[in-house]
C-alpha atoms as a PDB file:
ATOM      1  CA  ARG A   1    -191.616 -48.495-110.538  1.00  0.00           C
ATOM      2  CA  GLU A   2    -193.105 -45.286-111.975  1.00  0.00           C
ATOM      3  CA  GLU A   3    -194.857 -45.293-115.274  1.00  0.00           C
ATOM      4  CA  THR A   4    -193.360 -41.844-116.165  1.00  0.00           C
ATOM      5  CA  GLU A   5    -189.878 -43.549-115.987  1.00  0.00           C
ATOM      6  CA  GLY A   6    -191.119 -46.194-118.442  1.00  0.00           C
ATOM      7  CA  TYR A   7    -192.326 -43.524-120.911  1.00  0.00           C
ATOM      8  CA  SER A   8    -189.174 -41.592-120.425  1.00  0.00           C
ATOM      9  CA  LYS A   9    -187.100 -44.720-121.523  1.00  0.00           C
ATOM     10  CA  ILE A  10    -189.465 -45.230-124.389  1.00  0.00           C
ATOM     11  CA  LEU A  11    -188.552 -41.691-125.628  1.00  0.00           C
ATOM     12  CA  VAL A  12    -184.829 -42.240-125.097  1.00  0.00           C
ATOM     13  CA  VAL A  13    -184.985 -45.530-127.223  1.00  0.00           C
ATOM     14  CA  LEU A  14    -186.953 -43.710-130.005  1.00  0.00           C
ATOM     15  CA  HIS A  15    -184.555 -40.795-129.959  1.00  0.00           C
ATOM     16  CA  THR A  16    -181.548 -43.244-130.523  1.00  0.00           C
ATOM     17  CA  PHE A  17    -183.396 -45.119-133.239  1.00  0.00           C
ATOM     18  CA  PRO A  18    -180.920 -45.885-136.121  1.00  0.00           C
ATOM     19  CA  VAL A  19    -181.648 -44.419-139.539  1.00  0.00           C
ATOM     20  CA  SER A  20    -182.443 -47.099-142.028  1.00  0.00           C
ATOM     21  CA  PRO A  21    -180.937 -49.139-143.724  1.00  0.00           C
ATOM     22  CA  LEU A  22    -179.125 -49.789-140.354  1.00  0.00           C
ATOM     23  CA  ASP A  23    -180.786 -52.662-138.267  1.00  0.00           C
ATOM     24  CA  ALA A  24    -183.144 -51.436-135.427  1.00  0.00           C
ATOM     25  CA  SER A  25    -183.805 -54.976-134.094  1.00  0.00           C
ATOM     26  CA  SER A  26    -182.043 -54.297-130.705  1.00  0.00           C
ATOM     27  CA  GLU A  27    -184.099 -50.910-130.287  1.00  0.00           C
ATOM     28  CA  ILE A  28    -187.265 -52.669-131.193  1.00  0.00           C
ATOM     29  CA  SER A  29    -186.382 -55.333-128.541  1.00  0.00           C
ATOM     30  CA  GLN A  30    -185.590 -52.589-126.110  1.00  0.00           C
ATOM     31  CA  LEU A  31    -189.125 -51.060-126.688  1.00  0.00           C
ATOM     32  CA  ARG A  32    -190.732 -54.450-126.044  1.00  0.00           C
ATOM     33  CA  GLN A  33    -188.582 -54.804-122.816  1.00  0.00           C
ATOM     34  CA  VAL A  34    -189.649 -51.422-121.561  1.00  0.00           C
ATOM     35  CA  ILE A  35    -193.218 -51.861-122.403  1.00  0.00           C
ATOM     36  CA  GLY A  36    -193.365 -55.077-120.343  1.00  0.00           C
ATOM     37  CA  GLN A  37    -191.252 -54.018-117.488  1.00  0.00           C
ATOM     38  CA  PHE A  38    -193.240 -50.853-116.794  1.00  0.00           C
ATOM     39  CA  ASP A  39    -196.620 -52.312-117.882  1.00  0.00           C
ATOM     40  CA  LEU A  40    -197.027 -49.401-120.305  1.00  0.00           C
ATOM     41  CA  ASP A  41    -200.320 -48.535-122.268  1.00  0.00           C
ATOM     42  CA  PRO A  42    -199.612 -49.792-125.793  1.00  0.00           C
ATOM     43  CA  ASN A  43    -201.736 -47.007-127.193  1.00  0.00           C
ATOM     44  CA  ARG A  44    -199.698 -44.445-125.467  1.00  0.00           C
ATOM     45  CA  VAL A  45    -196.445 -46.075-126.793  1.00  0.00           C
ATOM     46  CA  LEU A  46    -198.080 -46.192-130.204  1.00  0.00           C
ATOM     47  CA  ASP A  47    -198.693 -42.418-130.056  1.00  0.00           C
ATOM     48  CA  LEU A  48    -195.134 -41.811-128.960  1.00  0.00           C
ATOM     49  CA  ILE A  49    -193.775 -43.918-131.887  1.00  0.00           C
ATOM     50  CA  LEU A  50    -196.018 -42.019-134.289  1.00  0.00           C
ATOM     51  CA  GLU A  51    -194.736 -38.887-132.982  1.00  0.00           C
ATOM     52  CA  ALA A  52    -191.186 -39.844-133.321  1.00  0.00           C
ATOM     53  CA  PHE A  53    -191.844 -41.152-136.870  1.00  0.00           C
ATOM     54  CA  GLU A  54    -193.429 -37.843-137.845  1.00  0.00           C
ATOM     55  CA  LYS A  55    -190.299 -36.014-136.630  1.00  0.00           C
ATOM     56  CA  GLN A  56    -188.041 -38.522-138.464  1.00  0.00           C
ATOM     57  CA  ALA A  57    -190.124 -39.306-141.678  1.00  0.00           C
ATOM     58  CA  TRP A  58    -187.095 -40.438-143.526  1.00  0.00           C
ATOM     59  CA  ASN A  59    -186.418 -43.289-141.061  1.00  0.00           C
ATOM     60  CA  MET A  60    -188.078 -46.312-142.348  1.00  0.00           C
ATOM     61  CA  ASN A  61    -187.065 -48.275-139.129  1.00  0.00           C
ATOM     62  CA  PHE A  62    -190.184 -46.875-137.555  1.00  0.00           C
ATOM     63  CA  VAL A  63    -192.246 -48.941-140.084  1.00  0.00           C
ATOM     64  CA  CYS A  64    -190.227 -52.069-138.941  1.00  0.00           C
ATOM     65  CA  ALA A  65    -191.077 -51.148-135.359  1.00  0.00           C
ATOM     66  CA  LEU A  66    -194.724 -50.766-135.948  1.00  0.00           C
ATOM     67  CA  ARG A  67    -194.786 -54.072-137.778  1.00  0.00           C
ATOM     68  CA  ASP A  68    -192.572 -55.905-135.312  1.00  0.00           C
ATOM     69  CA  LEU A  69    -194.841 -54.622-132.328  1.00  0.00           C
ATOM     70  CA  LYS A  70    -197.743 -56.032-134.192  1.00  0.00           C
ATOM     71  CA  TYR A  71    -199.823 -52.870-134.091  1.00  0.00           C
ATOM     72  CA  LYS A  72    -203.231 -53.253-135.882  1.00  0.00           C
ATOM     73  CA  GLN A  73    -204.163 -50.999-138.662  1.00  0.00           C
ATOM     74  CA  GLU A  74    -207.268 -49.828-136.776  1.00  0.00           C
ATOM     75  CA  TYR A  75    -205.243 -48.774-133.759  1.00  0.00           C
ATOM     76  CA  ILE A  76    -202.852 -46.818-135.961  1.00  0.00           C
ATOM     77  CA  THR A  77    -205.832 -45.132-137.663  1.00  0.00           C
ATOM     78  CA  GLN A  78    -207.490 -44.249-134.402  1.00  0.00           C
ATOM     79  CA  ILE A  79    -204.472 -42.535-132.883  1.00  0.00           C
ATOM     80  CA  LEU A  80    -203.519 -40.724-136.157  1.00  0.00           C
ATOM     81  CA  GLY A  81    -207.146 -39.791-136.741  1.00  0.00           C
ATOM     82  CA  PHE A  82    -207.397 -38.324-133.274  1.00  0.00           C
ATOM     83  CA  ARG A  83    -204.289 -36.150-134.038  1.00  0.00           C
ATOM     84  CA  PHE A  84    -205.935 -34.987-137.299  1.00  0.00           C
ATOM     85  CA  GLN A  85    -209.107 -34.157-135.513  1.00  0.00           C
ATOM     86  CA  ASN A  86    -207.256 -31.908-133.038  1.00  0.00           C
ATOM     87  CA  CYS A  87    -205.981 -29.756-135.764  1.00  0.00           C
ATOM     88  CA  ARG A  88    -207.889 -27.339-138.104  1.00  0.00           C
ATOM     89  CA  VAL A  89    -208.145 -26.435-141.701  1.00  0.00           C
ATOM     90  CA  LEU A  90    -207.789 -22.742-142.580  1.00  0.00           C
ATOM     91  CA  GLY A  91    -210.892 -21.398-144.143  1.00  0.00           C
ATOM     92  CA  TYR A  92    -213.320 -24.054-143.018  1.00  0.00           C
ATOM     93  CA  ASP A  93    -213.467 -23.927-139.275  1.00  0.00           C
ATOM     94  CA  ASN A  94    -214.841 -20.524-138.618  1.00  0.00           C
ATOM     95  CA  GLY A  95    -217.520 -20.326-141.207  1.00  0.00           C
ATOM     96  CA  GLY A  96    -216.380 -16.669-141.935  1.00  0.00           C
ATOM     97  CA  LYS A  97    -218.341 -15.438-138.819  1.00  0.00           C
ATOM     98  CA  GLU A  98    -215.427 -13.709-137.257  1.00  0.00           C
ATOM     99  CA  GLY A  99    -213.618 -10.648-138.289  1.00  0.00           C
ATOM    100  CA  GLU A 100    -209.906 -10.204-139.068  1.00  0.00           C
ATOM    101  CA  ASN A 101    -207.542 -11.761-136.447  1.00  0.00           C
ATOM    102  CA  GLY A 102    -210.383 -13.683-134.902  1.00  0.00           C
ATOM    103  CA  GLU A 103    -212.074 -10.790-133.423  1.00  0.00           C
ATOM    104  CA  GLU A 104    -215.851 -10.916-132.584  1.00  0.00           C
ATOM    105  CA  GLU A 105    -218.080  -8.122-131.514  1.00  0.00           C
ATOM    106  CA  GLU A 106    -218.635  -7.967-127.760  1.00  0.00           C
ATOM    107  CA  GLY A 107    -221.837  -9.841-126.791  1.00  0.00           C
ATOM    108  CA  LYS A 108    -222.062 -11.642-129.906  1.00  0.00           C
ATOM    109  CA  GLU A 109    -221.305 -15.394-130.042  1.00  0.00           C
ATOM    110  CA  SER A 110    -220.069 -17.046-133.109  1.00  0.00           C
ATOM    111  CA  SER A 111    -222.488 -19.809-134.520  1.00  0.00           C
ATOM    112  CA  LYS A 112    -219.691 -22.392-134.755  1.00  0.00           C
ATOM    113  CA  ASP A 113    -220.990 -25.864-135.038  1.00  0.00           C
ATOM    114  CA  ASN A 114    -220.623 -27.539-131.643  1.00  0.00           C
ATOM    115  CA  ASP A 115    -220.234 -30.973-133.203  1.00  0.00           C
ATOM    116  CA  THR A 116    -216.637 -30.562-134.296  1.00  0.00           C
ATOM    117  CA  MET A 117    -213.889 -31.763-132.014  1.00  0.00           C
ATOM    118  CA  ASP A 118    -212.137 -28.313-132.261  1.00  0.00           C
ATOM    119  CA  VAL A 119    -211.322 -26.597-128.969  1.00  0.00           C
ATOM    120  CA  VAL A 120    -211.769 -22.933-129.214  1.00  0.00           C
ATOM    121  CA  LYS A 121    -210.564 -20.701-126.355  1.00  0.00           C
ATOM    122  CA  LYS A 122    -211.961 -17.126-125.746  1.00  0.00           C
ATOM    123  CA  ALA A 123    -209.745 -14.306-124.345  1.00  0.00           C
ATOM    124  CA  HIS A 124    -210.561 -10.685-123.728  1.00  0.00           C
ATOM    125  CA  VAL A 125    -207.942  -8.363-125.188  1.00  0.00           C
ATOM    126  CA  ALA A 126    -208.483  -4.619-125.045  1.00  0.00           C
ATOM    127  CA  ASN A 127    -212.229  -5.014-124.446  1.00  0.00           C
ATOM    128  CA  LYS A 128    -212.617  -7.323-127.408  1.00  0.00           C
ATOM    129  CA  ARG A 129    -213.229 -10.987-127.452  1.00  0.00           C
ATOM    130  CA  VAL A 130    -210.480 -12.826-129.454  1.00  0.00           C
ATOM    131  CA  THR A 131    -210.830 -16.377-130.571  1.00  0.00           C
ATOM    132  CA  ILE A 132    -207.657 -18.419-130.321  1.00  0.00           C
ATOM    133  CA  PRO A 133    -208.117 -21.314-132.685  1.00  0.00           C
ATOM    134  CA  PRO A 134    -206.456 -24.606-132.411  1.00  0.00           C
ATOM    135  CA  ARG A 135    -203.186 -25.171-134.316  1.00  0.00           C
ATOM    136  CA  CYS A 136    -203.294 -25.885-138.101  1.00  0.00           C
ATOM    137  CA  THR A 137    -202.493 -29.347-139.321  1.00  0.00           C
ATOM    138  CA  PRO A 138    -198.741 -29.700-139.746  1.00  0.00           C
ATOM    139  CA  ALA A 139    -197.454 -30.846-143.048  1.00  0.00           C
ATOM    140  CA  SER A 140    -195.550 -33.416-141.220  1.00  0.00           C
ATOM    141  CA  LEU A 141    -198.657 -35.177-140.198  1.00  0.00           C
ATOM    142  CA  PHE A 142    -199.835 -35.391-143.716  1.00  0.00           C
ATOM    143  CA  GLY A 143    -196.542 -36.788-144.619  1.00  0.00           C
ATOM    144  CA  LEU A 144    -196.610 -39.373-141.943  1.00  0.00           C
ATOM    145  CA  ALA A 145    -200.125 -40.505-143.020  1.00  0.00           C
ATOM    146  CA  ALA A 146    -198.868 -40.828-146.675  1.00  0.00           C
ATOM    147  CA  THR A 147    -195.856 -42.878-145.548  1.00  0.00           C
ATOM    148  CA  LEU A 148    -198.020 -45.198-143.527  1.00  0.00           C
ATOM    149  CA  ILE A 149    -200.403 -45.576-146.393  1.00  0.00           C
ATOM    150  CA  CYS A 150    -197.515 -46.438-148.715  1.00  0.00           C
ATOM    151  CA  ASN A 151    -196.264 -49.090-146.305  1.00  0.00           C
ATOM    152  CA  GLU A 152    -199.728 -50.520-145.881  1.00  0.00           C
ATOM    153  CA  LEU A 153    -200.009 -49.752-142.241  1.00  0.00           C
ATOM    154  CA  LEU A 154    -203.042 -47.479-142.839  1.00  0.00           C
ATOM    155  CA  THR A 155    -205.676 -47.142-145.554  1.00  0.00           C
ATOM    156  CA  ILE A 156    -206.962 -43.954-146.868  1.00  0.00           C
ATOM    157  CA  GLU A 157    -210.473 -45.158-146.489  1.00  0.00           C
ATOM    158  CA  ALA A 158    -210.179 -45.562-142.852  1.00  0.00           C
ATOM    159  CA  LEU A 159    -208.563 -42.251-142.371  1.00  0.00           C
ATOM    160  CA  VAL A 160    -210.933 -40.117-144.323  1.00  0.00           C
ATOM    161  CA  PRO A 161    -213.658 -39.913-141.675  1.00  0.00           C
ATOM    162  CA  TYR A 162    -211.162 -38.386-139.256  1.00  0.00           C
ATOM    163  CA  LEU A 163    -210.029 -35.500-141.790  1.00  0.00           C
ATOM    164  CA  LYS A 164    -211.408 -31.976-141.965  1.00  0.00           C
ATOM    165  CA  PRO A 165    -213.112 -30.481-143.733  1.00  0.00           C
ATOM    166  CA  SER A 166    -215.739 -33.276-144.360  1.00  0.00           C
ATOM    167  CA  GLU A 167    -217.023 -33.873-147.881  1.00  0.00           C
ATOM    168  CA  ALA A 168    -220.319 -32.083-146.816  1.00  0.00           C
ATOM    169  CA  GLU A 169    -218.412 -29.005-145.537  1.00  0.00           C
ATOM    170  CA  ILE A 170    -216.401 -28.933-148.859  1.00  0.00           C
ATOM    171  CA  GLY A 171    -219.575 -29.089-150.933  1.00  0.00           C
ATOM    172  CA  LYS A 172    -221.266 -26.345-148.929  1.00  0.00           C
ATOM    173  CA  LYS A 173    -218.147 -24.040-149.113  1.00  0.00           C
ATOM    174  CA  SER A 174    -217.871 -24.496-152.850  1.00  0.00           C
ATOM    175  CA  MET A 175    -221.554 -23.524-153.236  1.00  0.00           C
ATOM    176  CA  VAL A 176    -221.094 -20.343-151.357  1.00  0.00           C
END
């Protein structure tokens, strides 16, 4: 069978997850069954569970699912950390090198640090180079992290290295 069918079935099960305090044991069992039947990558399934949980932050049955499926804290941290790294924090990513609306002078490159995981796209609009930054970190992602920390599925110490701006960047920005 196709893997895409398996991931589609995972999404259907996650979409029909009952809101706590209702029991979700049958849905968790369905998740296990679909993962085994289609030989799905557990990390991709974890990412889908976290995304569904982010959209339904009030539904504590996702906490039960993460515990029952025996996902380790380190895997949850890595997946959530990756999602944080693909977002940006306003005021820290461009270093103030660009003008309003992300415009740069033609022929000049911004001296953006290449070590960051941010993906910056360049586009030419009306003979000006415009930087299209990655999306800002949604508040729901912070809410998801807080809920996971409160339920001891994640530790703040393990998540801090993935967050931006780094402590060094904060110190540098406050000195300027």
